Amino acid sequence: EEEGAEGGGGVVLGDSDKDRDRKRMMDEMDKLRDSIQTLCKSTNPLARSMDYLQEDLDNMAKELDFWMKDRDDQTARLEDEERKTEQDVDKLYSELQGVEESIKEEELRIKDLKASVLENDKTVKNMLASIVRTNTNR
């Protein structure tokens, strides 16, 4: 139906067209409402997961800090023990050198004593030989 609105020409919608547009608009609003509710239902668990994710990240960062500090502490302890061990080894090495030097000195002393014993044996043999000769010459 065409009628002039305020004396001008234009299309005037009838009640059935308005009802149809209103119904279509209400259907679209219902679909939009359903879509928003579905979206909210889907995002709530995601939001909770994101909260837990941040909490987990914080906990993991704390644990990483703990283990990094522990690693640093253990590294320092290891270095300290290595230094102590090196000092102990140096001390023992010095003692070993002293013992080896003492062994060499004792070996030289033993060789000198053996030489002296051999010399004394020779002297005793010569003395005995001279006594035997003088006794046989008589």
N, C-alpha and C. Protein backbone atom coordinates (compact mmCIF):
# COMPACT_ATOMS: atom_id res chain seq x y z
N GLU A 1 0.84 -1.17 0.00
CA GLU A 1 0.00 0.00 0.00
C GLU A 1 0.88 1.22 0.00
N GLU A 2 0.52 2.13 -0.83
CA GLU A 2 1.26 3.37 -0.84
C GLU A 2 0.35 4.47 -0.41
N GLU A 3 0.80 5.23 0.50
CA GLU A 3 0.05 6.39 0.94
C GLU A 3 1.06 7.48 1.17
N GLY A 4 0.64 8.66 1.13
CA GLY A 4 1.54 9.77 1.36
C GLY A 4 1.65 10.01 2.84
N ALA A 5 2.86 10.06 3.35
CA ALA A 5 3.07 10.36 4.76
C ALA A 5 3.35 11.83 4.85
N GLU A 6 2.55 12.49 5.59
CA GLU A 6 2.60 13.93 5.74
C GLU A 6 2.57 14.59 4.38
N GLY A 7 1.82 14.07 3.54
CA GLY A 7 1.63 14.67 2.24
C GLY A 7 2.70 14.29 1.27
N GLY A 8 3.76 13.60 1.71
CA GLY A 8 4.82 13.20 0.78
C GLY A 8 4.58 11.79 0.33
N GLY A 9 5.17 11.41 -0.71
CA GLY A 9 4.98 10.05 -1.19
C GLY A 9 6.00 9.14 -0.58
N GLY A 10 5.64 7.98 -0.18
CA GLY A 10 6.56 7.01 0.38
C GLY A 10 5.88 5.72 0.64
N VAL A 11 6.62 4.77 1.01
CA VAL A 11 6.06 3.45 1.27
C VAL A 11 5.72 3.38 2.74
N VAL A 12 4.53 2.99 3.03
CA VAL A 12 4.09 2.83 4.41
C VAL A 12 3.96 1.34 4.64
N LEU A 13 4.63 0.90 5.68
CA LEU A 13 4.60 -0.52 5.97
C LEU A 13 3.36 -0.85 6.75
N GLY A 14 2.81 -1.93 6.40
CA GLY A 14 1.62 -2.36 7.12
C GLY A 14 2.01 -3.06 8.40
N ASP A 15 1.06 -3.37 9.21
CA ASP A 15 1.32 -4.02 10.48
C ASP A 15 1.93 -5.40 10.26
N SER A 16 1.53 -6.08 9.22
CA SER A 16 2.08 -7.42 8.99
C SER A 16 3.57 -7.33 8.64
N ASP A 17 4.00 -6.33 7.89
CA ASP A 17 5.42 -6.15 7.58
C ASP A 17 6.20 -5.80 8.84
N LYS A 18 5.61 -4.96 9.69
CA LYS A 18 6.28 -4.59 10.94
C LYS A 18 6.39 -5.81 11.84
N ASP A 19 5.37 -6.60 11.90
CA ASP A 19 5.40 -7.80 12.73
C ASP A 19 6.46 -8.79 12.23
N ARG A 20 6.50 -8.92 10.90
CA ARG A 20 7.48 -9.83 10.31
C ARG A 20 8.91 -9.32 10.61
N ASP A 21 9.17 -8.04 10.46
CA ASP A 21 10.49 -7.48 10.75
C ASP A 21 10.83 -7.63 12.24
N ARG A 22 9.82 -7.38 13.08
CA ARG A 22 10.03 -7.50 14.52
C ARG A 22 10.34 -8.96 14.88
N LYS A 23 9.61 -9.90 14.27
CA LYS A 23 9.83 -11.32 14.53
C LYS A 23 11.22 -11.72 14.06
N ARG A 24 11.60 -11.27 12.88
CA ARG A 24 12.93 -11.57 12.35
C ARG A 24 14.01 -10.98 13.28
N MET A 25 13.79 -9.75 13.74
CA MET A 25 14.73 -9.11 14.63
C MET A 25 14.80 -9.87 15.96
N MET A 26 13.69 -10.35 16.47
CA MET A 26 13.67 -11.12 17.71
C MET A 26 14.37 -12.47 17.53
N ASP A 27 14.16 -13.10 16.35
CA ASP A 27 14.86 -14.36 16.07
C ASP A 27 16.36 -14.13 16.02
N GLU A 28 16.76 -13.06 15.37
CA GLU A 28 18.19 -12.75 15.29
C GLU A 28 18.75 -12.44 16.67
N MET A 29 17.97 -11.75 17.49
CA MET A 29 18.39 -11.43 18.86
C MET A 29 18.53 -12.72 19.67
N ASP A 30 17.59 -13.67 19.49
CA ASP A 30 17.67 -14.96 20.19
C ASP A 30 18.92 -15.73 19.75
N LYS A 31 19.17 -15.73 18.43
CA LYS A 31 20.37 -16.41 17.92
C LYS A 31 21.62 -15.75 18.46
N LEU A 32 21.61 -14.43 18.49
CA LEU A 32 22.76 -13.70 19.01
C LEU A 32 22.95 -14.00 20.50
N ARG A 33 21.85 -14.02 21.26
CA ARG A 33 21.90 -14.34 22.69
C ARG A 33 22.44 -15.75 22.89
N ASP A 34 21.94 -16.71 22.10
CA ASP A 34 22.43 -18.09 22.20
C ASP A 34 23.92 -18.16 21.87
N SER A 35 24.31 -17.45 20.84
CA SER A 35 25.73 -17.44 20.46
C SER A 35 26.59 -16.84 21.56
N ILE A 36 26.12 -15.76 22.18
CA ILE A 36 26.87 -15.14 23.27
C ILE A 36 26.96 -16.08 24.47
N GLN A 37 25.85 -16.76 24.79
CA GLN A 37 25.86 -17.72 25.91
C GLN A 37 26.82 -18.87 25.62
N THR A 38 26.79 -19.37 24.40
CA THR A 38 27.71 -20.46 24.02
C THR A 38 29.16 -19.98 24.12
N LEU A 39 29.40 -18.78 23.65
CA LEU A 39 30.74 -18.20 23.72
C LEU A 39 31.18 -18.06 25.17
N CYS A 40 30.29 -17.57 26.03
CA CYS A 40 30.62 -17.43 27.46
C CYS A 40 30.90 -18.79 28.09
N LYS A 41 30.07 -19.78 27.76
CA LYS A 41 30.29 -21.12 28.31
C LYS A 41 31.64 -21.68 27.86
N SER A 42 32.02 -21.33 26.65
CA SER A 42 33.30 -21.82 26.11
C SER A 42 34.48 -21.06 26.70
N THR A 43 34.31 -19.78 26.94
CA THR A 43 35.44 -18.98 27.42
C THR A 43 35.66 -19.09 28.92
N ASN A 44 34.65 -19.44 29.70
CA ASN A 44 34.84 -19.56 31.15
C ASN A 44 35.89 -20.62 31.49
N PRO A 45 35.81 -21.82 30.94
CA PRO A 45 36.88 -22.78 31.23
C PRO A 45 38.24 -22.29 30.72
N LEU A 46 38.22 -21.63 29.59
CA LEU A 46 39.48 -21.09 29.06
C LEU A 46 40.05 -20.04 30.01
N ALA A 47 39.19 -19.19 30.55
CA ALA A 47 39.65 -18.17 31.49
C ALA A 47 40.21 -18.82 32.75
N ARG A 48 39.51 -19.85 33.26
CA ARG A 48 40.02 -20.57 34.43
C ARG A 48 41.36 -21.22 34.10
N SER A 49 41.45 -21.79 32.92
CA SER A 49 42.71 -22.41 32.51
C SER A 49 43.81 -21.37 32.43
N MET A 50 43.49 -20.21 31.94
CA MET A 50 44.49 -19.14 31.86
C MET A 50 44.94 -18.72 33.25
N ASP A 51 44.00 -18.67 34.21
CA ASP A 51 44.37 -18.36 35.60
C ASP A 51 45.31 -19.43 36.13
N TYR A 52 44.97 -20.69 35.91
CA TYR A 52 45.83 -21.79 36.37
C TYR A 52 47.16 -21.77 35.65
N LEU A 53 47.13 -21.41 34.39
CA LEU A 53 48.37 -21.34 33.61
C LEU A 53 49.31 -20.32 34.22
N GLN A 54 48.80 -19.16 34.56
CA GLN A 54 49.64 -18.13 35.18
C GLN A 54 50.18 -18.61 36.52
N GLU A 55 49.32 -19.28 37.29
CA GLU A 55 49.75 -19.83 38.57
C GLU A 55 50.84 -20.88 38.37
N ASP A 56 50.63 -21.75 37.37
CA ASP A 56 51.64 -22.77 37.06
C ASP A 56 52.94 -22.13 36.62
N LEU A 57 52.85 -21.12 35.79
CA LEU A 57 54.06 -20.43 35.34
C LEU A 57 54.81 -19.81 36.52
N ASP A 58 54.06 -19.20 37.44
CA ASP A 58 54.69 -18.63 38.63
C ASP A 58 55.39 -19.70 39.45
N ASN A 59 54.69 -20.84 39.63
CA ASN A 59 55.29 -21.95 40.39
C ASN A 59 56.52 -22.50 39.69
N MET A 60 56.43 -22.64 38.37
CA MET A 60 57.58 -23.15 37.63
C MET A 60 58.75 -22.18 37.70
N ALA A 61 58.46 -20.88 37.67
CA ALA A 61 59.53 -19.88 37.79
C ALA A 61 60.19 -19.97 39.16
N LYS A 62 59.37 -20.16 40.22
CA LYS A 62 59.92 -20.31 41.57
C LYS A 62 60.77 -21.56 41.66
N GLU A 63 60.27 -22.64 41.07
CA GLU A 63 61.03 -23.90 41.11
C GLU A 63 62.33 -23.76 40.33
N LEU A 64 62.28 -23.09 39.21
CA LEU A 64 63.50 -22.86 38.42
C LEU A 64 64.50 -22.05 39.24
N ASP A 65 64.03 -21.01 39.91
CA ASP A 65 64.91 -20.22 40.76
C ASP A 65 65.53 -21.07 41.86
N PHE A 66 64.69 -21.94 42.47
CA PHE A 66 65.19 -22.83 43.51
C PHE A 66 66.31 -23.72 42.99
N TRP A 67 66.07 -24.34 41.83
CA TRP A 67 67.07 -25.27 41.28
C TRP A 67 68.31 -24.54 40.78
N MET A 68 68.13 -23.33 40.27
CA MET A 68 69.30 -22.56 39.83
C MET A 68 70.17 -22.20 41.05
N LYS A 69 69.52 -21.80 42.15
CA LYS A 69 70.27 -21.48 43.36
C LYS A 69 70.94 -22.73 43.89
N ASP A 70 70.23 -23.84 43.89
CA ASP A 70 70.81 -25.10 44.34
C ASP A 70 72.01 -25.49 43.49
N ARG A 71 71.88 -25.31 42.17
CA ARG A 71 73.00 -25.61 41.28
C ARG A 71 74.19 -24.72 41.62
N ASP A 72 73.94 -23.44 41.85
CA ASP A 72 75.03 -22.52 42.20
C ASP A 72 75.68 -22.92 43.52
N ASP A 73 74.84 -23.30 44.50
CA ASP A 73 75.37 -23.74 45.80
C ASP A 73 76.21 -25.00 45.64
N GLN A 74 75.69 -25.96 44.88
CA GLN A 74 76.42 -27.22 44.68
C GLN A 74 77.72 -26.99 43.91
N THR A 75 77.67 -26.08 42.94
CA THR A 75 78.88 -25.76 42.17
C THR A 75 79.93 -25.15 43.09
N ALA A 76 79.50 -24.25 43.97
CA ALA A 76 80.43 -23.64 44.92
C ALA A 76 81.02 -24.69 45.85
N ARG A 77 80.16 -25.61 46.33
CA ARG A 77 80.65 -26.69 47.20
C ARG A 77 81.64 -27.57 46.47
N LEU A 78 81.33 -27.88 45.21
CA LEU A 78 82.23 -28.72 44.42
C LEU A 78 83.58 -28.04 44.25
N GLU A 79 83.56 -26.76 43.91
CA GLU A 79 84.81 -26.02 43.73
C GLU A 79 85.60 -25.98 45.03
N ASP A 80 84.91 -25.80 46.15
CA ASP A 80 85.57 -25.79 47.45
C ASP A 80 86.21 -27.15 47.74
N GLU A 81 85.45 -28.21 47.48
CA GLU A 81 85.99 -29.56 47.70
C GLU A 81 87.17 -29.85 46.77
N GLU A 82 87.07 -29.40 45.54
CA GLU A 82 88.18 -29.61 44.60
C GLU A 82 89.44 -28.88 45.09
N ARG A 83 89.25 -27.65 45.61
CA ARG A 83 90.38 -26.89 46.12
C ARG A 83 91.00 -27.59 47.33
N LYS A 84 90.14 -28.07 48.25
CA LYS A 84 90.64 -28.79 49.42
C LYS A 84 91.37 -30.06 49.00
N THR A 85 90.78 -30.77 48.05
CA THR A 85 91.40 -32.01 47.57
C THR A 85 92.76 -31.72 46.94
N GLU A 86 92.83 -30.66 46.16
CA GLU A 86 94.09 -30.28 45.53
C GLU A 86 95.14 -29.95 46.59
N GLN A 87 94.72 -29.25 47.64
CA GLN A 87 95.66 -28.92 48.72
C GLN A 87 96.12 -30.20 49.43
N ASP A 88 95.18 -31.11 49.68
CA ASP A 88 95.53 -32.38 50.33
C ASP A 88 96.47 -33.20 49.45
N VAL A 89 96.19 -33.23 48.16
CA VAL A 89 97.04 -33.98 47.24
C VAL A 89 98.43 -33.36 47.20
N ASP A 90 98.51 -32.03 47.17
CA ASP A 90 99.82 -31.37 47.17
C ASP A 90 100.60 -31.72 48.44
N LYS A 91 99.89 -31.70 49.59
CA LYS A 91 100.53 -32.05 50.86
C LYS A 91 101.04 -33.49 50.82
N LEU A 92 100.18 -34.40 50.35
CA LEU A 92 100.58 -35.81 50.28
C LEU A 92 101.71 -36.01 49.28
N TYR A 93 101.70 -35.26 48.20
CA TYR A 93 102.77 -35.37 47.21
C TYR A 93 104.10 -34.91 47.82
N SER A 94 104.03 -33.84 48.61
CA SER A 94 105.24 -33.36 49.29
C SER A 94 105.76 -34.43 50.26
N GLU A 95 104.84 -35.03 51.01
CA GLU A 95 105.24 -36.10 51.94
C GLU A 95 105.83 -37.27 51.19
N LEU A 96 105.24 -37.62 50.05
CA LEU A 96 105.75 -38.72 49.24
C LEU A 96 107.16 -38.42 48.77
N GLN A 97 107.40 -37.20 48.33
CA GLN A 97 108.75 -36.84 47.89
C GLN A 97 109.74 -36.97 49.05
N GLY A 98 109.29 -36.54 50.25
CA GLY A 98 110.16 -36.68 51.42
C GLY A 98 110.46 -38.13 51.73
N VAL A 99 109.44 -38.98 51.65
CA VAL A 99 109.63 -40.41 51.91
C VAL A 99 110.55 -41.02 50.85
N GLU A 100 110.33 -40.65 49.58
CA GLU A 100 111.20 -41.19 48.52
C GLU A 100 112.64 -40.74 48.73
N GLU A 101 112.84 -39.51 49.17
CA GLU A 101 114.20 -39.01 49.45
C GLU A 101 114.82 -39.79 50.61
N SER A 102 114.00 -40.07 51.63
CA SER A 102 114.49 -40.86 52.77
C SER A 102 114.87 -42.27 52.33
N ILE A 103 114.06 -42.84 51.43
CA ILE A 103 114.36 -44.18 50.92
C ILE A 103 115.69 -44.17 50.17
N LYS A 104 115.89 -43.17 49.35
CA LYS A 104 117.16 -43.07 48.60
C LYS A 104 118.34 -42.93 49.55
N GLU A 105 118.18 -42.12 50.60
CA GLU A 105 119.25 -41.95 51.57
C GLU A 105 119.55 -43.27 52.28
N GLU A 106 118.48 -44.00 52.65
CA GLU A 106 118.66 -45.28 53.33
C GLU A 106 119.33 -46.29 52.40
N GLU A 107 118.93 -46.28 51.12
CA GLU A 107 119.56 -47.20 50.15
C GLU A 107 121.05 -46.88 50.02
N LEU A 108 121.40 -45.59 49.98
CA LEU A 108 122.82 -45.20 49.92
C LEU A 108 123.56 -45.64 51.19
N ARG A 109 122.93 -45.46 52.33
CA ARG A 109 123.55 -45.86 53.59
C ARG A 109 123.76 -47.37 53.62
N ILE A 110 122.75 -48.12 53.12
CA ILE A 110 122.87 -49.58 53.08
C ILE A 110 124.02 -49.98 52.14
N LYS A 111 124.12 -49.32 50.99
CA LYS A 111 125.22 -49.61 50.06
C LYS A 111 126.56 -49.32 50.71
N ASP A 112 126.63 -48.19 51.42
CA ASP A 112 127.88 -47.84 52.10
C ASP A 112 128.22 -48.88 53.17
N LEU A 113 127.18 -49.32 53.92
CA LEU A 113 127.42 -50.35 54.95
C LEU A 113 127.87 -51.66 54.32
N LYS A 114 127.26 -52.02 53.19
CA LYS A 114 127.66 -53.26 52.51
C LYS A 114 129.11 -53.15 52.04
N ALA A 115 129.44 -51.98 51.51
CA ALA A 115 130.82 -51.77 51.07
C ALA A 115 131.78 -51.86 52.26
N SER A 116 131.36 -51.29 53.37
CA SER A 116 132.19 -51.33 54.57
C SER A 116 132.34 -52.77 55.07
N VAL A 117 131.24 -53.53 55.04
CA VAL A 117 131.27 -54.93 55.47
C VAL A 117 132.21 -55.72 54.57
N LEU A 118 132.09 -55.48 53.25
CA LEU A 118 132.97 -56.19 52.31
C LEU A 118 134.43 -55.82 52.56
N GLU A 119 134.67 -54.55 52.82
CA GLU A 119 136.05 -54.10 53.12
C GLU A 119 136.54 -54.74 54.41
N ASN A 120 135.68 -54.79 55.43
CA ASN A 120 136.05 -55.42 56.70
C ASN A 120 136.30 -56.92 56.51
N ASP A 121 135.43 -57.57 55.68
CA ASP A 121 135.64 -59.00 55.39
C ASP A 121 137.00 -59.21 54.76
N LYS A 122 137.34 -58.34 53.84
CA LYS A 122 138.64 -58.43 53.15
C LYS A 122 139.77 -58.27 54.16
N THR A 123 139.61 -57.30 55.04
CA THR A 123 140.64 -57.06 56.05
C THR A 123 140.76 -58.25 56.99
N VAL A 124 139.64 -58.83 57.40
CA VAL A 124 139.66 -60.00 58.30
C VAL A 124 140.31 -61.18 57.58
N LYS A 125 139.99 -61.38 56.31
CA LYS A 125 140.57 -62.48 55.55
C LYS A 125 142.08 -62.29 55.44
N ASN A 126 142.48 -61.06 55.18
CA ASN A 126 143.93 -60.78 55.09
C ASN A 126 144.61 -61.04 56.43
N MET A 127 143.96 -60.63 57.52
CA MET A 127 144.54 -60.85 58.85
C MET A 127 144.63 -62.35 59.14
N LEU A 128 143.55 -63.07 58.81
CA LEU A 128 143.56 -64.51 59.06
C LEU A 128 144.63 -65.19 58.20
N ALA A 129 144.74 -64.70 56.96
CA ALA A 129 145.75 -65.29 56.07
C ALA A 129 147.15 -65.01 56.61
N SER A 130 147.35 -63.83 57.14
CA SER A 130 148.67 -63.51 57.66
C SER A 130 148.95 -64.31 58.93
N ILE A 131 147.93 -64.55 59.76
CA ILE A 131 148.12 -65.36 60.96
C ILE A 131 148.41 -66.81 60.55
N VAL A 132 147.71 -67.28 59.57
CA VAL A 132 147.92 -68.66 59.12
C VAL A 132 149.32 -68.78 58.53
N ARG A 133 149.77 -67.80 57.81
CA ARG A 133 151.11 -67.85 57.20
C ARG A 133 152.18 -67.82 58.28
N THR A 134 151.97 -66.99 59.27
CA THR A 134 152.98 -66.93 60.32
C THR A 134 152.99 -68.22 61.13
N ASN A 135 151.87 -68.84 61.30
CA ASN A 135 151.81 -70.08 62.03
C ASN A 135 152.40 -71.22 61.19
N THR A 136 152.22 -71.17 59.93
CA THR A 136 152.76 -72.22 59.06
C THR A 136 154.25 -72.02 58.84
N ASN A 137 154.72 -70.85 58.95
CA ASN A 137 156.14 -70.56 58.76
C ASN A 137 156.89 -70.94 60.03
N ARG A 138 156.37 -71.15 61.06
CA ARG A 138 157.06 -71.47 62.29
C ARG A 138 157.36 -72.86 62.39
